[in-house]
Amino acid sequence: MKYLAFVAVLLLVLGGIEKAKAVTCNPLQLSPCANAITSSSSPTAICCSKIKEQRPCLCSYMRNPNLKKFISSPNARKVANTCGTPFPQC
C-alpha cells in the first residue's frame, strides 16, 4: 500500500516536470546576436532568447575553428552574461 502511494506521488511530481525539448544546433540561430557580439551594443530580447536556446551547443561551436573567434570573444561572453546565460565550462 505504501508502495502504491509512493508511485502515485512520484507520477504526480514527474507529470508536473516539463520535458526539455531537443535543441537543434545551428549557429545561424545566433545571427540576431551578431551586432551585439561584434560591437558594444546591447543584446536584443530575440538575441537573448536564441543564446538561451543554443546554450547546449556553445561548446561545439567553440570547437569549430570558423566560429571559435566569435563564440569565445569577450563580447560574446558579455552578451551571454547580460542575457543571464553564463557560458558553459568546455
N, C-alpha and C. Protein backbone atom coordinates (compact mmCIF):
# COMPACT_ATOMS: atom_id res chain seq x y z
N MET A 1 0.83 -1.20 0.00
CA MET A 1 0.00 0.00 0.00
C MET A 1 0.87 1.26 0.00
N LYS A 2 1.94 1.25 0.82
CA LYS A 2 2.83 2.41 0.84
C LYS A 2 3.51 2.58 -0.51
N TYR A 3 3.83 1.46 -1.16
CA TYR A 3 4.47 1.49 -2.46
C TYR A 3 3.56 2.17 -3.48
N LEU A 4 2.28 1.85 -3.47
CA LEU A 4 1.34 2.45 -4.41
C LEU A 4 1.20 3.95 -4.17
N ALA A 5 1.19 4.35 -2.91
CA ALA A 5 1.10 5.77 -2.59
C ALA A 5 2.35 6.50 -3.09
N PHE A 6 3.51 5.87 -2.89
CA PHE A 6 4.76 6.46 -3.36
C PHE A 6 4.75 6.62 -4.87
N VAL A 7 4.32 5.60 -5.59
CA VAL A 7 4.25 5.65 -7.05
C VAL A 7 3.29 6.74 -7.51
N ALA A 8 2.16 6.86 -6.83
CA ALA A 8 1.19 7.88 -7.19
C ALA A 8 1.78 9.28 -7.02
N VAL A 9 2.46 9.52 -5.91
CA VAL A 9 3.09 10.82 -5.66
C VAL A 9 4.19 11.07 -6.69
N LEU A 10 4.97 10.05 -6.97
CA LEU A 10 6.05 10.18 -7.96
C LEU A 10 5.50 10.55 -9.33
N LEU A 11 4.41 9.91 -9.72
CA LEU A 11 3.79 10.22 -11.01
C LEU A 11 3.26 11.65 -11.05
N LEU A 12 2.71 12.12 -9.96
CA LEU A 12 2.22 13.49 -9.91
C LEU A 12 3.37 14.49 -10.04
N VAL A 13 4.47 14.20 -9.35
CA VAL A 13 5.62 15.09 -9.41
C VAL A 13 6.23 15.08 -10.80
N LEU A 14 6.44 13.90 -11.34
CA LEU A 14 7.05 13.79 -12.66
C LEU A 14 6.14 14.34 -13.75
N GLY A 15 4.86 14.22 -13.57
CA GLY A 15 3.92 14.75 -14.54
C GLY A 15 3.97 16.26 -14.61
N GLY A 16 4.38 16.90 -13.51
CA GLY A 16 4.46 18.36 -13.48
C GLY A 16 5.76 18.90 -14.03
N ILE A 17 6.73 18.03 -14.26
CA ILE A 17 8.00 18.48 -14.80
C ILE A 17 7.90 18.60 -16.31
N GLU A 18 8.26 19.76 -16.80
CA GLU A 18 8.21 19.98 -18.24
C GLU A 18 9.39 19.28 -18.89
N LYS A 19 9.12 18.53 -19.92
CA LYS A 19 10.19 17.85 -20.63
C LYS A 19 10.96 18.85 -21.48
N ALA A 20 12.27 18.72 -21.44
CA ALA A 20 13.11 19.60 -22.24
C ALA A 20 13.02 19.19 -23.70
N LYS A 21 12.84 20.19 -24.54
CA LYS A 21 12.78 19.87 -25.96
C LYS A 21 14.20 19.81 -26.51
N ALA A 22 14.38 18.98 -27.48
CA ALA A 22 15.69 18.81 -28.08
C ALA A 22 16.09 20.08 -28.82
N VAL A 23 17.34 20.43 -28.70
CA VAL A 23 17.87 21.61 -29.36
C VAL A 23 18.57 21.18 -30.63
N THR A 24 18.27 21.85 -31.71
CA THR A 24 18.98 21.64 -32.96
C THR A 24 20.10 22.67 -33.01
N CYS A 25 21.33 22.20 -32.99
CA CYS A 25 22.46 23.11 -33.01
C CYS A 25 22.64 23.69 -34.40
N ASN A 26 22.46 24.99 -34.48
CA ASN A 26 22.59 25.69 -35.75
C ASN A 26 23.13 27.08 -35.42
N PRO A 27 24.40 27.33 -35.72
CA PRO A 27 24.98 28.62 -35.36
C PRO A 27 24.28 29.81 -36.01
N LEU A 28 23.57 29.58 -37.10
CA LEU A 28 22.83 30.69 -37.72
C LEU A 28 21.71 31.19 -36.83
N GLN A 29 21.30 30.35 -35.86
CA GLN A 29 20.28 30.78 -34.91
C GLN A 29 20.78 31.94 -34.05
N LEU A 30 22.09 32.11 -33.98
CA LEU A 30 22.66 33.20 -33.18
C LEU A 30 22.83 34.49 -33.98
N SER A 31 22.37 34.51 -35.21
CA SER A 31 22.53 35.71 -36.04
C SER A 31 21.90 36.96 -35.43
N PRO A 32 20.80 36.86 -34.66
CA PRO A 32 20.29 38.09 -34.01
C PRO A 32 21.27 38.70 -33.01
N CYS A 33 22.31 37.94 -32.65
CA CYS A 33 23.30 38.42 -31.68
C CYS A 33 24.54 39.00 -32.36
N ALA A 34 24.63 38.91 -33.67
CA ALA A 34 25.84 39.32 -34.39
C ALA A 34 26.23 40.76 -34.07
N ASN A 35 25.29 41.66 -34.09
CA ASN A 35 25.59 43.07 -33.83
C ASN A 35 26.11 43.27 -32.41
N ALA A 36 25.49 42.63 -31.45
CA ALA A 36 25.92 42.77 -30.05
C ALA A 36 27.29 42.13 -29.82
N ILE A 37 27.58 41.03 -30.53
CA ILE A 37 28.86 40.34 -30.34
C ILE A 37 29.99 41.10 -31.03
N THR A 38 29.73 41.68 -32.18
CA THR A 38 30.79 42.36 -32.93
C THR A 38 30.95 43.83 -32.58
N SER A 39 30.05 44.37 -31.78
CA SER A 39 30.17 45.77 -31.35
C SER A 39 29.87 45.82 -29.85
N SER A 40 29.72 46.99 -29.36
CA SER A 40 29.43 47.11 -27.92
C SER A 40 27.95 47.41 -27.66
N SER A 41 27.10 47.09 -28.63
CA SER A 41 25.67 47.35 -28.43
C SER A 41 25.06 46.29 -27.51
N SER A 42 23.94 46.62 -26.94
CA SER A 42 23.25 45.69 -26.04
C SER A 42 22.51 44.62 -26.83
N PRO A 43 22.43 43.41 -26.28
CA PRO A 43 21.69 42.36 -26.98
C PRO A 43 20.19 42.61 -26.93
N THR A 44 19.52 42.20 -27.99
CA THR A 44 18.06 42.32 -28.05
C THR A 44 17.42 41.15 -27.31
N ALA A 45 16.13 41.24 -27.10
CA ALA A 45 15.40 40.15 -26.46
C ALA A 45 15.46 38.88 -27.31
N ILE A 46 15.41 39.05 -28.63
CA ILE A 46 15.50 37.89 -29.52
C ILE A 46 16.87 37.24 -29.40
N CYS A 47 17.91 38.06 -29.34
CA CYS A 47 19.26 37.54 -29.16
C CYS A 47 19.34 36.71 -27.87
N CYS A 48 18.86 37.26 -26.79
CA CYS A 48 18.91 36.55 -25.50
C CYS A 48 18.14 35.24 -25.57
N SER A 49 17.02 35.26 -26.23
CA SER A 49 16.24 34.04 -26.39
C SER A 49 17.03 32.98 -27.15
N LYS A 50 17.69 33.40 -28.21
CA LYS A 50 18.47 32.46 -29.03
C LYS A 50 19.70 31.95 -28.29
N ILE A 51 20.35 32.81 -27.50
CA ILE A 51 21.52 32.36 -26.72
C ILE A 51 21.08 31.30 -25.71
N LYS A 52 19.96 31.53 -25.05
CA LYS A 52 19.47 30.54 -24.08
C LYS A 52 19.12 29.24 -24.78
N GLU A 53 18.52 29.33 -25.94
CA GLU A 53 18.13 28.15 -26.70
C GLU A 53 19.35 27.38 -27.19
N GLN A 54 20.38 28.08 -27.63
CA GLN A 54 21.56 27.45 -28.21
C GLN A 54 22.67 27.17 -27.20
N ARG A 55 22.46 27.47 -25.93
CA ARG A 55 23.50 27.28 -24.91
C ARG A 55 24.08 25.88 -24.91
N PRO A 56 23.27 24.82 -25.05
CA PRO A 56 23.87 23.47 -25.06
C PRO A 56 24.83 23.25 -26.23
N CYS A 57 24.80 24.11 -27.22
CA CYS A 57 25.61 23.95 -28.42
C CYS A 57 26.90 24.77 -28.38
N LEU A 58 27.02 25.67 -27.42
CA LEU A 58 28.13 26.62 -27.44
C LEU A 58 29.50 25.94 -27.42
N CYS A 59 29.65 24.85 -26.69
CA CYS A 59 30.95 24.16 -26.66
C CYS A 59 31.31 23.60 -28.03
N SER A 60 30.34 23.04 -28.72
CA SER A 60 30.64 22.52 -30.06
C SER A 60 30.95 23.66 -31.02
N TYR A 61 30.31 24.81 -30.85
CA TYR A 61 30.63 25.96 -31.68
C TYR A 61 32.06 26.43 -31.42
N MET A 62 32.49 26.39 -30.17
CA MET A 62 33.83 26.84 -29.84
C MET A 62 34.90 25.88 -30.36
N ARG A 63 34.55 24.65 -30.63
CA ARG A 63 35.49 23.70 -31.21
C ARG A 63 35.61 23.86 -32.73
N ASN A 64 34.69 24.63 -33.32
CA ASN A 64 34.72 24.87 -34.75
C ASN A 64 35.65 26.06 -35.01
N PRO A 65 36.75 25.85 -35.76
CA PRO A 65 37.71 26.94 -35.99
C PRO A 65 37.09 28.18 -36.64
N ASN A 66 36.06 28.00 -37.44
CA ASN A 66 35.42 29.14 -38.11
C ASN A 66 34.54 29.96 -37.17
N LEU A 67 34.06 29.35 -36.11
CA LEU A 67 33.15 30.03 -35.18
C LEU A 67 33.83 30.45 -33.89
N LYS A 68 34.94 29.79 -33.56
CA LYS A 68 35.58 29.98 -32.26
C LYS A 68 35.88 31.45 -31.95
N LYS A 69 36.40 32.19 -32.94
CA LYS A 69 36.80 33.58 -32.67
C LYS A 69 35.60 34.45 -32.28
N PHE A 70 34.41 34.10 -32.75
CA PHE A 70 33.22 34.87 -32.38
C PHE A 70 32.62 34.39 -31.06
N ILE A 71 32.50 33.08 -30.93
CA ILE A 71 31.83 32.50 -29.76
C ILE A 71 32.66 32.68 -28.49
N SER A 72 33.99 32.61 -28.61
CA SER A 72 34.82 32.74 -27.41
C SER A 72 35.31 34.16 -27.17
N SER A 73 34.81 35.12 -27.93
CA SER A 73 35.24 36.51 -27.75
C SER A 73 34.70 37.09 -26.44
N PRO A 74 35.41 38.07 -25.90
CA PRO A 74 34.90 38.72 -24.67
C PRO A 74 33.50 39.31 -24.85
N ASN A 75 33.22 39.85 -26.04
CA ASN A 75 31.88 40.42 -26.27
C ASN A 75 30.81 39.33 -26.25
N ALA A 76 31.10 38.15 -26.78
CA ALA A 76 30.12 37.06 -26.77
C ALA A 76 29.81 36.66 -25.33
N ARG A 77 30.84 36.58 -24.51
CA ARG A 77 30.62 36.24 -23.09
C ARG A 77 29.84 37.34 -22.39
N LYS A 78 30.13 38.60 -22.74
CA LYS A 78 29.41 39.73 -22.15
C LYS A 78 27.94 39.68 -22.54
N VAL A 79 27.67 39.37 -23.82
CA VAL A 79 26.29 39.26 -24.29
C VAL A 79 25.57 38.15 -23.53
N ALA A 80 26.22 37.00 -23.41
CA ALA A 80 25.61 35.87 -22.71
C ALA A 80 25.33 36.23 -21.25
N ASN A 81 26.28 36.87 -20.59
CA ASN A 81 26.08 37.27 -19.20
C ASN A 81 24.96 38.30 -19.07
N THR A 82 24.90 39.25 -20.00
CA THR A 82 23.83 40.25 -19.99
C THR A 82 22.48 39.57 -20.13
N CYS A 83 22.45 38.51 -20.92
CA CYS A 83 21.20 37.76 -21.13
C CYS A 83 20.89 36.79 -19.99
N GLY A 84 21.79 36.70 -19.02
CA GLY A 84 21.57 35.79 -17.90
C GLY A 84 21.84 34.34 -18.26
N THR A 85 22.71 34.12 -19.24
CA THR A 85 23.04 32.77 -19.69
C THR A 85 24.55 32.61 -19.65
N PRO A 86 25.10 32.21 -18.51
CA PRO A 86 26.55 32.07 -18.43
C PRO A 86 27.07 31.00 -19.37
N PHE A 87 28.28 31.20 -19.86
CA PHE A 87 28.89 30.23 -20.76
C PHE A 87 29.16 28.92 -20.01
N PRO A 88 28.99 27.81 -20.70
CA PRO A 88 29.34 26.54 -20.08
C PRO A 88 30.85 26.38 -19.98
N GLN A 89 31.29 25.56 -19.05
CA GLN A 89 32.71 25.24 -18.95
C GLN A 89 32.99 24.12 -19.94
N CYS A 90 33.74 24.42 -20.97
CA CYS A 90 34.01 23.43 -22.02
C CYS A 90 35.36 22.79 -21.84
